[in-house]
Amino acid sequence: MLFRLLCAFIVVLPANVYGGIMVETIDGRAVEVTSFLMPRAPGDGLPVALRNNGDLSYLTTVLMGTPPQRIQMAPSLSQNQISVASAPEGVNDQSFYNPAASSSFVQSTGQTASLPTTSGASVNGNYAGEICTIQSTLSAASFMYHASVVLTDPAVTNDLYPNGARAVLGYGVDAPQSAPANATLIGSFLPANFTLAQCGIELNHLDDPIPDGILTMGALDTTAFKGDFTSMTVPATPQDRPSWSIPFDSITYLSGGANQTAQGSVASVDLYHSVIQLSTASATSIYNGIAGSRQLADNKWSIPCNSTFPVTLTFAGKPFTIYERDTIQKQPDGSCNGAVVGGAGAVGKIGAPFLRNVYTQFAAAKAANGTVSFSVSFAEKVLRLSAGSSTVKPAPSRTTVGPSATSPTGSAGSSNSSASHVHAAGFLSTFILSSILAAIFL
């Protein structure tokens, strides 16, 4: 894999593999890129802007090709590859990626990929090579790499690509063994020399003072959360289980005015998901206790818009409660649906409705023997009042289901305690590439 560090004072000498990349520093020294993989101070990393798309999805701009084309992508933890939509036949729309306009496009060699859609179906695409650049939202820093992307057929619709998105930016780690090199953004980095690789996700509501979000690659934003993390190790899984799937203990909900608790399961944690998906039996039990609820097609339920519908998910003994601004989704016709849906098989979904209420960390840790373990962690989120200030998000003024989600007691299994103990990730700190930041870090 070839990295290009874009900085007036940093150049990359030719190399074909990660470990062989040499970087020329400001004072003329030539050092291996692994020297950039040491833990940094909190706040490092590459912050990627997440534009709130109606509280249903989050989009970021990625540059593809030469000259660069600005493509709106939906980041996803469960999707393992970058998948790119092809323009429909006869449509001349520059928001779609056009391989014919890129001199760096590499034609597919016939390798195909199968991609899961939001409905649980799958679509196929062909691998191709292209340069992708992810930009920082706070500086001139950027990260460029030669990716193996999946081009899907023009017939593929928003069942894979959310409204407004022309591609999916996959942060999964489980590309099929038959996939070409650099098929996964995160997975491509894991053989590098690191001990702890962290990324953080802050999602906000459309009606928050700051409505968008940030995915910080290679670090945690210590201004976006407070207190202890509750951590869950990603269990060793079959190849067909989505990346970053973790177990949750239980789900608690109101039924006929009383609290009810159902057993949890394994779920895919992903901002790409616009719902919380449980088994149909569990979802049916939840809505049976809501007056006026009505089952729709595709394991969805319509509920009165003024329903009282708090939902609590418990992870590693720590409950996190979400309320009606996330559990009830208003539809274009003025009706309302519940954000909890049915249809889950062995693995459910925990999507943006939940993640808007916590600060999320996803991380990979390498042991002394070289084995890598993955984890997903949640901490109490703070609400940003402006670009330069934040405060602890106040609890809603209604009855809490179960213990308070703001309880100061962390789980016994928490691997990261407080903000003062957070260290920036090693393996992605190479993204901080501007001349000013380079002078600081070297």
Protein backbone atom coordinates (compact mmCIF):
# COMPACT_ATOMS: atom_id res chain seq x y z
CA MET A 1 0.00 0.00 0.00
CA LEU A 2 1.34 3.40 -0.93
CA PHE A 3 0.75 6.41 1.30
CA ARG A 4 1.29 9.93 0.04
CA LEU A 5 1.84 12.47 2.77
CA LEU A 6 0.75 15.81 1.35
CA CYS A 7 2.82 18.50 3.01
CA ALA A 8 5.17 21.18 1.76
CA PHE A 9 7.94 19.83 3.96
CA ILE A 10 7.23 16.11 3.90
CA VAL A 11 7.78 13.86 0.92
CA VAL A 12 7.34 10.12 0.56
CA LEU A 13 10.17 8.21 -1.05
CA PRO A 14 9.08 5.38 -3.37
CA ALA A 15 7.92 2.23 -1.67
CA ASN A 16 5.53 -0.59 -2.46
CA VAL A 17 4.56 -1.67 1.04
CA TYR A 18 3.63 0.09 4.22
CA GLY A 19 6.69 -0.84 6.26
CA GLY A 20 9.09 0.35 3.55
CA ILE A 21 7.82 3.91 3.35
CA MET A 22 10.42 6.51 4.28
CA VAL A 23 9.57 10.08 5.22
CA GLU A 24 11.94 13.02 4.84
CA THR A 25 11.55 15.35 7.79
CA ILE A 26 12.07 19.10 7.90
CA ASP A 27 15.69 18.78 8.99
CA GLY A 28 16.50 16.34 6.21
CA ARG A 29 16.38 13.14 8.25
CA ALA A 30 14.89 10.07 6.56
CA VAL A 31 12.79 8.02 8.97
CA GLU A 32 10.45 5.08 8.51
CA VAL A 33 6.77 5.94 8.60
CA THR A 34 6.38 3.69 11.65
CA SER A 35 7.94 6.47 13.73
CA PHE A 36 4.65 8.32 13.23
CA LEU A 37 2.80 5.41 14.84
CA MET A 38 3.72 6.25 18.42
CA PRO A 39 0.88 7.40 20.68
CA ARG A 40 0.30 11.15 20.50
CA ALA A 41 -1.30 13.58 22.89
CA PRO A 42 -5.11 13.63 23.05
CA GLY A 43 -6.63 15.54 20.16
CA ASP A 44 -4.41 14.25 17.35
CA GLY A 45 -5.81 12.33 14.44
CA LEU A 46 -7.74 13.23 11.33
CA PRO A 47 -11.18 14.71 12.11
CA VAL A 48 -13.60 13.91 9.29
CA ALA A 49 -16.74 16.03 8.98
CA LEU A 50 -20.08 14.19 9.11
CA ARG A 51 -22.93 16.20 7.58
CA ASN A 52 -26.26 15.41 9.22
CA ASN A 53 -28.66 14.28 6.52
CA GLY A 54 -32.03 14.71 8.24
CA ASP A 55 -31.08 12.56 11.28
CA LEU A 56 -31.27 9.54 8.96
CA SER A 57 -27.69 9.34 7.71
CA TYR A 58 -24.36 11.16 7.90
CA LEU A 59 -22.30 12.07 4.83
CA THR A 60 -18.71 13.08 4.23
CA THR A 61 -16.92 14.32 1.12
CA VAL A 62 -14.13 12.12 -0.25
CA LEU A 63 -11.96 13.08 -3.22
CA MET A 64 -11.69 10.35 -5.84
CA GLY A 65 -9.48 10.19 -8.88
CA THR A 66 -7.19 12.50 -10.82
CA PRO A 67 -8.23 15.28 -11.10
CA PRO A 68 -10.20 14.82 -7.88
CA GLN A 69 -13.95 14.37 -7.99
CA ARG A 70 -15.91 15.32 -4.85
CA ILE A 71 -18.06 12.31 -3.92
CA GLN A 72 -20.54 12.27 -1.05
CA MET A 73 -20.01 9.09 0.94
CA ALA A 74 -21.88 7.55 3.87
CA PRO A 75 -19.33 6.27 6.44
CA SER A 76 -20.08 2.78 7.72
CA LEU A 77 -18.49 0.50 10.32
CA SER A 78 -20.24 -2.61 9.06
CA GLN A 79 -19.38 -2.18 5.38
CA ASN A 80 -15.88 -3.45 4.66
CA GLN A 81 -15.17 -1.72 1.35
CA ILE A 82 -15.60 1.58 -0.39
CA SER A 83 -18.53 1.00 -2.72
CA VAL A 84 -19.28 3.60 -5.37
CA ALA A 85 -22.49 4.13 -7.32
CA SER A 86 -22.44 4.33 -11.10
CA ALA A 87 -24.58 6.97 -12.77
CA PRO A 88 -27.83 5.60 -14.21
CA GLU A 89 -27.86 5.08 -17.95
CA GLY A 90 -28.31 8.35 -19.81
CA VAL A 91 -27.83 10.49 -16.69
CA ASN A 92 -25.09 13.13 -16.78
CA ASP A 93 -24.80 14.00 -13.10
CA GLN A 94 -21.41 15.13 -11.80
CA SER A 95 -22.29 14.06 -8.26
CA PHE A 96 -21.61 10.49 -9.42
CA TYR A 97 -18.04 9.24 -9.73
CA ASN A 98 -16.95 9.09 -13.37
CA PRO A 99 -14.04 6.67 -13.90
CA ALA A 100 -13.64 7.83 -17.50
CA ALA A 101 -12.67 11.29 -16.23
CA SER A 102 -9.87 9.99 -13.95
CA SER A 103 -6.34 9.28 -15.14
CA SER A 104 -5.64 7.24 -11.99
CA PHE A 105 -8.54 4.82 -12.47
CA VAL A 106 -7.45 1.18 -12.87
CA GLN A 107 -9.89 -1.04 -14.71
CA SER A 108 -11.29 -4.07 -12.92
CA THR A 109 -9.61 -7.42 -13.54
CA GLY A 110 -12.91 -9.23 -13.23
CA GLN A 111 -12.94 -9.61 -9.43
CA THR A 112 -16.39 -9.11 -7.96
CA ALA A 113 -17.72 -8.32 -4.49
CA SER A 114 -21.04 -8.91 -2.73
CA LEU A 115 -22.26 -6.01 -0.58
CA PRO A 116 -24.96 -6.14 2.12
CA THR A 117 -27.79 -3.62 1.77
CA THR A 118 -29.84 -1.92 4.46
CA SER A 119 -32.71 -4.37 3.89
CA GLY A 120 -30.50 -7.41 4.46
CA ALA A 121 -30.23 -8.30 0.79
CA SER A 122 -27.00 -8.07 -1.22
CA VAL A 123 -25.83 -6.51 -4.46
CA ASN A 124 -22.76 -7.17 -6.57
CA GLY A 125 -20.06 -4.92 -7.92
CA ASN A 126 -16.67 -5.04 -9.63
CA TYR A 127 -13.38 -4.09 -8.02
CA ALA A 128 -11.33 -1.28 -9.50
CA GLY A 129 -8.34 0.74 -8.37
CA GLU A 130 -8.52 4.44 -7.56
CA ILE A 131 -6.88 7.13 -5.44
CA CYS A 132 -9.07 8.26 -2.53
CA THR A 133 -8.32 11.28 -0.34
CA ILE A 134 -9.97 11.92 3.01
CA GLN A 135 -9.66 15.49 4.24
CA SER A 136 -9.54 16.98 7.72
CA THR A 137 -12.41 19.23 8.68
CA LEU A 138 -10.21 21.35 10.97
CA SER A 139 -7.01 21.87 8.98
CA ALA A 140 -5.32 21.38 5.62
CA ALA A 141 -4.35 17.84 6.63
CA SER A 142 -5.45 14.97 4.41
CA PHE A 143 -4.87 11.28 3.89
CA MET A 144 -4.47 9.74 0.45
CA TYR A 145 -4.25 6.07 -0.39
CA HIS A 146 -4.58 3.76 -3.37
CA ALA A 147 -7.84 1.92 -2.71
CA SER A 148 -9.56 -1.08 -4.20
CA VAL A 149 -13.09 0.24 -4.57
CA VAL A 150 -16.24 -1.60 -5.62
CA LEU A 151 -18.19 -0.09 -8.53
CA THR A 152 -21.82 -1.10 -8.42
CA ASP A 153 -24.25 -1.37 -11.31
CA PRO A 154 -26.35 1.70 -12.17
CA ALA A 155 -29.44 -0.27 -11.16
CA VAL A 156 -28.31 -0.32 -7.50
CA THR A 157 -30.42 2.17 -5.56
CA ASN A 158 -30.59 3.69 -2.09
CA ASP A 159 -31.05 0.29 -0.51
CA LEU A 160 -27.24 0.45 -0.41
CA TYR A 161 -26.64 4.20 -0.70
CA PRO A 162 -28.57 6.52 1.65
CA ASN A 163 -30.30 9.55 0.16
CA GLY A 164 -27.68 12.05 -0.94
CA ALA A 165 -24.84 9.52 -0.88
CA ARG A 166 -23.07 8.33 -4.01
CA ALA A 167 -20.79 5.93 -2.18
CA VAL A 168 -20.24 4.11 1.12
CA LEU A 169 -16.97 4.69 2.99
CA GLY A 170 -16.43 1.38 4.75
CA TYR A 171 -14.50 1.23 8.03
CA GLY A 172 -15.01 -2.51 8.41
CA VAL A 173 -12.08 -4.89 8.84
CA ASP A 174 -13.36 -8.16 7.37
CA ALA A 175 -12.89 -8.02 3.61
CA PRO A 176 -13.24 -11.43 1.96
CA GLN A 177 -10.00 -13.32 1.54
CA SER A 178 -10.50 -13.15 -2.22
CA ALA A 179 -10.56 -9.33 -2.17
CA PRO A 180 -7.60 -7.47 -3.69
CA ALA A 181 -5.11 -5.53 -1.59
CA ASN A 182 -6.33 -2.33 0.08
CA ALA A 183 -9.97 -3.34 -0.12
CA THR A 184 -10.58 -2.11 3.44
CA LEU A 185 -9.68 1.31 4.75
CA ILE A 186 -9.03 0.25 8.35
CA GLY A 187 -8.05 -3.35 7.67
CA SER A 188 -5.22 -2.20 5.42
CA PHE A 189 -3.52 -0.56 8.38
CA LEU A 190 -3.72 -3.35 10.91
CA PRO A 191 -0.43 -5.07 9.98
CA ALA A 192 1.39 -1.83 10.84
CA ASN A 193 3.29 -1.41 14.08
CA PHE A 194 0.83 -0.16 16.65
CA THR A 195 -0.29 -1.12 20.12
CA LEU A 196 -3.59 0.76 20.30
CA ALA A 197 -5.53 2.19 17.37
CA GLN A 198 -8.50 4.36 18.34
CA CYS A 199 -11.17 6.22 16.40
CA GLY A 200 -13.98 8.30 17.86
CA ILE A 201 -17.47 9.16 16.62
CA GLU A 202 -19.54 12.15 17.68
CA LEU A 203 -23.01 12.35 16.16
CA ASN A 204 -25.39 15.24 16.83
CA HIS A 205 -29.09 15.87 16.29
CA LEU A 206 -30.36 18.08 13.50
CA ASP A 207 -31.86 20.44 16.11
CA ASP A 208 -28.68 20.60 18.24
CA PRO A 209 -26.67 23.86 18.21
CA ILE A 210 -24.03 22.00 16.17
CA PRO A 211 -26.10 19.58 14.07
CA ASP A 212 -23.34 17.66 12.31
CA GLY A 213 -20.74 15.24 13.62
CA ILE A 214 -17.09 14.26 13.47
CA LEU A 215 -15.40 10.91 12.98
CA THR A 216 -11.87 11.28 14.31
CA MET A 217 -9.55 8.80 12.64
CA GLY A 218 -6.65 7.84 14.87
CA ALA A 219 -7.70 9.58 18.09
CA LEU A 220 -10.49 10.48 20.47
CA ASP A 221 -11.87 13.99 20.82
CA THR A 222 -11.62 14.53 24.57
CA THR A 223 -13.89 17.59 24.38
CA ALA A 224 -16.79 15.47 23.14
CA PHE A 225 -17.24 13.15 26.13
CA LYS A 226 -16.71 12.88 29.87
CA GLY A 227 -16.31 10.14 32.44
CA ASP A 228 -15.63 6.46 31.99
CA PHE A 229 -15.96 4.39 28.86
CA THR A 230 -18.02 1.22 28.93
CA SER A 231 -16.15 -1.20 26.68
CA MET A 232 -17.24 -4.35 24.90
CA THR A 233 -14.80 -6.67 23.18
CA VAL A 234 -15.82 -7.65 19.67
CA PRO A 235 -16.15 -11.45 19.90
CA ALA A 236 -14.36 -13.71 17.47
CA THR A 237 -16.94 -14.17 14.75
CA PRO A 238 -17.68 -15.99 11.54
CA GLN A 239 -16.63 -14.19 8.38
CA ASP A 240 -20.21 -13.27 7.52
CA ARG A 241 -20.85 -11.31 10.74
CA PRO A 242 -20.61 -7.53 10.23
CA SER A 243 -17.50 -5.79 11.52
CA TRP A 244 -17.73 -4.12 14.95
CA SER A 245 -20.63 -6.30 16.13
CA ILE A 246 -20.89 -6.53 19.93
CA PRO A 247 -23.23 -8.10 22.47
CA PHE A 248 -25.65 -6.04 24.55
CA ASP A 249 -27.17 -7.32 27.77
CA SER A 250 -30.78 -6.28 27.45
CA ILE A 251 -33.33 -3.80 26.16
CA THR A 252 -35.80 -2.12 28.53
CA TYR A 253 -38.99 -0.41 27.37
CA LEU A 254 -42.41 0.73 28.57
CA SER A 255 -45.32 -1.64 28.04
CA GLY A 256 -48.73 -0.67 29.35
CA GLY A 257 -47.10 1.87 31.65
CA ALA A 258 -44.69 -0.63 33.25
CA ASN A 259 -41.02 -1.31 32.56
CA GLN A 260 -40.30 -4.52 30.68
CA THR A 261 -36.90 -6.00 29.91
CA ALA A 262 -36.00 -8.38 27.11
CA GLN A 263 -32.79 -10.33 26.65
CA GLY A 264 -30.19 -8.72 24.43
CA SER A 265 -28.20 -10.24 21.60
CA VAL A 266 -25.34 -9.38 19.25
CA ALA A 267 -25.75 -6.24 17.16
CA SER A 268 -23.83 -4.35 14.51
CA VAL A 269 -22.90 -0.89 15.81
CA ASP A 270 -22.89 1.55 12.91
CA LEU A 271 -23.85 5.16 12.14
CA TYR A 272 -24.86 3.82 8.70
CA HIS A 273 -27.88 2.14 10.31
CA SER A 274 -30.86 4.49 10.67
CA VAL A 275 -32.71 2.16 13.08
CA ILE A 276 -32.34 -0.16 16.05
CA GLN A 277 -33.10 -3.62 14.73
CA LEU A 278 -34.16 -6.50 16.97
CA SER A 279 -35.78 -9.83 16.26
CA THR A 280 -39.34 -9.53 15.03
CA ALA A 281 -40.57 -11.23 18.20
CA SER A 282 -38.83 -8.67 20.43
CA ALA A 283 -40.04 -5.72 18.37
CA THR A 284 -43.59 -7.08 18.41
CA SER A 285 -43.51 -7.33 22.22
CA ILE A 286 -42.35 -3.73 22.48
CA TYR A 287 -45.07 -2.31 20.24
CA ASN A 288 -47.82 -4.43 21.79
CA GLY A 289 -47.48 -2.16 24.82
CA ILE A 290 -47.82 1.10 22.87
CA ALA A 291 -51.39 2.26 22.40
CA GLY A 292 -52.23 2.97 18.78
CA SER A 293 -49.22 1.19 17.30
CA ARG A 294 -49.72 -0.51 13.94
CA GLN A 295 -47.40 -2.91 12.15
CA LEU A 296 -46.37 -1.89 8.66
CA ALA A 297 -44.58 -3.85 5.97
CA ASP A 298 -40.89 -4.72 6.38
CA ASN A 299 -41.08 -5.19 10.15
CA LYS A 300 -41.76 -1.52 10.87
CA TRP A 301 -44.36 -0.04 13.20
CA SER A 302 -46.33 3.17 13.01
CA ILE A 303 -47.00 4.78 16.38
CA PRO A 304 -48.78 7.98 17.51
CA CYS A 305 -46.38 10.90 17.31
CA ASN A 306 -47.12 11.87 20.93
CA SER A 307 -46.26 8.41 22.30
CA THR A 308 -44.08 8.00 25.37
CA PHE A 309 -41.38 5.72 24.06
CA PRO A 310 -38.07 5.66 25.97
CA VAL A 311 -35.75 2.73 25.24
CA THR A 312 -32.76 1.61 27.31
CA LEU A 313 -29.94 -0.57 25.99
CA THR A 314 -27.58 -2.07 28.56
CA PHE A 315 -23.96 -2.90 27.68
CA ALA A 316 -21.59 -4.64 30.09
CA GLY A 317 -23.93 -3.74 32.94
CA LYS A 318 -24.23 -0.03 32.04
CA PRO A 319 -27.63 1.26 30.84
CA PHE A 320 -27.94 3.95 28.18
CA THR A 321 -31.39 5.48 27.62
CA ILE A 322 -32.64 7.24 24.49
CA TYR A 323 -35.84 9.22 24.23
CA GLU A 324 -38.54 10.24 21.79
CA ARG A 325 -36.44 12.60 19.66
CA ASP A 326 -34.61 9.42 18.56
CA THR A 327 -37.05 6.59 19.20
CA ILE A 328 -39.85 8.23 17.17
CA GLN A 329 -39.12 9.12 13.54
CA LYS A 330 -41.48 11.54 11.81
CA GLN A 331 -42.33 10.65 8.24
CA PRO A 332 -42.83 13.04 5.27
CA ASP A 333 -46.61 12.54 5.43
CA GLY A 334 -46.72 13.65 9.07
CA SER A 335 -47.12 10.18 10.56
CA CYS A 336 -44.54 8.64 12.89
CA ASN A 337 -42.69 5.34 12.96
CA GLY A 338 -40.76 3.76 15.79
CA ALA A 339 -36.99 3.63 15.37
CA VAL A 340 -37.04 0.07 16.71
CA VAL A 341 -37.72 -2.41 13.91
CA GLY A 342 -37.88 -6.18 13.58
CA GLY A 343 -36.35 -8.57 11.13
CA ALA A 344 -33.00 -9.24 12.79
CA GLY A 345 -31.52 -12.69 12.55
CA ALA A 346 -28.45 -13.69 14.53
CA VAL A 347 -27.16 -10.10 14.42
CA GLY A 348 -29.23 -6.97 15.01
CA LYS A 349 -28.43 -3.31 14.41
CA ILE A 350 -27.64 -0.41 16.72
CA GLY A 351 -27.64 2.69 14.56
CA ALA A 352 -27.63 6.46 14.61
CA PRO A 353 -30.72 6.84 16.88
CA PHE A 354 -28.65 5.36 19.71
CA LEU A 355 -25.23 6.70 18.71
CA ARG A 356 -26.43 10.33 18.77
CA ASN A 357 -26.73 10.00 22.54
CA VAL A 358 -23.22 8.70 23.35
CA TYR A 359 -19.63 9.23 22.31
CA THR A 360 -18.43 6.09 20.54
CA GLN A 361 -14.94 4.67 20.35
CA PHE A 362 -13.95 1.79 18.08
CA ALA A 363 -10.45 0.46 18.61
CA ALA A 364 -7.95 -2.25 17.79
CA ALA A 365 -5.27 -3.35 20.25
CA LYS A 366 -2.24 -5.48 19.44
CA ALA A 367 -0.89 -7.88 22.08
CA ALA A 368 2.79 -8.75 22.52
CA ASN A 369 2.31 -11.92 20.48
CA GLY A 370 0.90 -9.94 17.56
CA THR A 371 -2.75 -10.91 17.92
CA VAL A 372 -5.25 -8.11 17.43
CA SER A 373 -8.44 -7.61 19.45
CA PHE A 374 -11.22 -5.16 18.64
CA SER A 375 -13.54 -3.25 20.94
CA VAL A 376 -16.42 -0.79 20.89
CA SER A 377 -16.89 1.62 23.80
CA PHE A 378 -19.44 4.24 24.83
CA ALA A 379 -19.03 7.28 27.06
CA GLU A 380 -21.27 10.11 28.18
CA LYS A 381 -21.54 12.64 25.39
CA VAL A 382 -21.34 16.39 25.85
CA LEU A 383 -23.51 18.76 23.85
CA ARG A 384 -21.65 21.35 21.79
CA LEU A 385 -23.15 24.79 22.27
CA SER A 386 -20.92 26.30 19.60
CA ALA A 387 -17.79 25.45 17.66
CA GLY A 388 -15.65 26.38 20.65
CA SER A 389 -17.68 25.33 23.66
CA SER A 390 -19.57 22.36 25.00
CA THR A 391 -21.46 21.23 28.05
CA VAL A 392 -22.70 17.98 29.50
CA LYS A 393 -25.89 17.06 27.75
CA PRO A 394 -28.81 17.55 30.18
CA ALA A 395 -31.10 14.66 30.94
CA PRO A 396 -34.57 14.85 29.34
CA SER A 397 -37.36 16.03 31.60
CA ARG A 398 -39.28 12.76 31.72
CA THR A 399 -39.23 9.53 33.69
CA THR A 400 -36.12 7.44 33.02
CA VAL A 401 -36.55 3.79 32.16
CA GLY A 402 -34.15 1.81 34.30
CA PRO A 403 -31.08 3.30 36.00
CA SER A 404 -29.87 6.68 34.82
CA ALA A 405 -27.66 6.60 31.75
CA THR A 406 -25.54 9.29 33.38
CA SER A 407 -24.63 7.15 36.38
CA PRO A 408 -20.97 7.79 37.31
CA THR A 409 -20.34 4.10 37.78
CA GLY A 410 -18.49 2.56 34.83
CA SER A 411 -18.57 -1.09 33.92
CA ALA A 412 -16.08 -3.43 35.46
CA GLY A 413 -14.86 -4.33 32.02
CA SER A 414 -14.10 -0.78 30.96
CA SER A 415 -10.71 -0.61 29.31
CA ASN A 416 -10.50 3.19 29.19
CA SER A 417 -11.35 5.23 32.22
CA SER A 418 -11.48 9.00 31.93
CA ALA A 419 -10.66 11.61 29.36
CA SER A 420 -7.35 12.27 31.11
CA HIS A 421 -6.29 8.70 30.38
CA VAL A 422 -6.99 8.77 26.65
CA HIS A 423 -4.07 8.59 24.25
CA ALA A 424 -4.30 9.23 20.53
CA ALA A 425 -4.16 6.23 18.28
CA GLY A 426 -0.84 5.30 16.83
CA PHE A 427 -1.49 3.78 13.49
CA LEU A 428 -3.44 6.64 11.95
CA SER A 429 -1.49 9.57 13.33
CA THR A 430 0.31 9.69 10.01
CA PHE A 431 -2.67 11.65 8.80
CA ILE A 432 -1.53 14.88 10.45
CA LEU A 433 0.35 16.18 7.49
CA SER A 434 0.32 19.95 7.29
CA SER A 435 3.64 21.73 7.62
CA ILE A 436 2.69 23.29 10.96
CA LEU A 437 1.58 20.02 12.52
CA ALA A 438 4.58 18.23 11.06
CA ALA A 439 6.89 20.66 12.79
CA ILE A 440 5.14 19.95 16.07
CA PHE A 441 5.09 16.16 15.85
CA LEU A 442 8.59 15.41 14.56
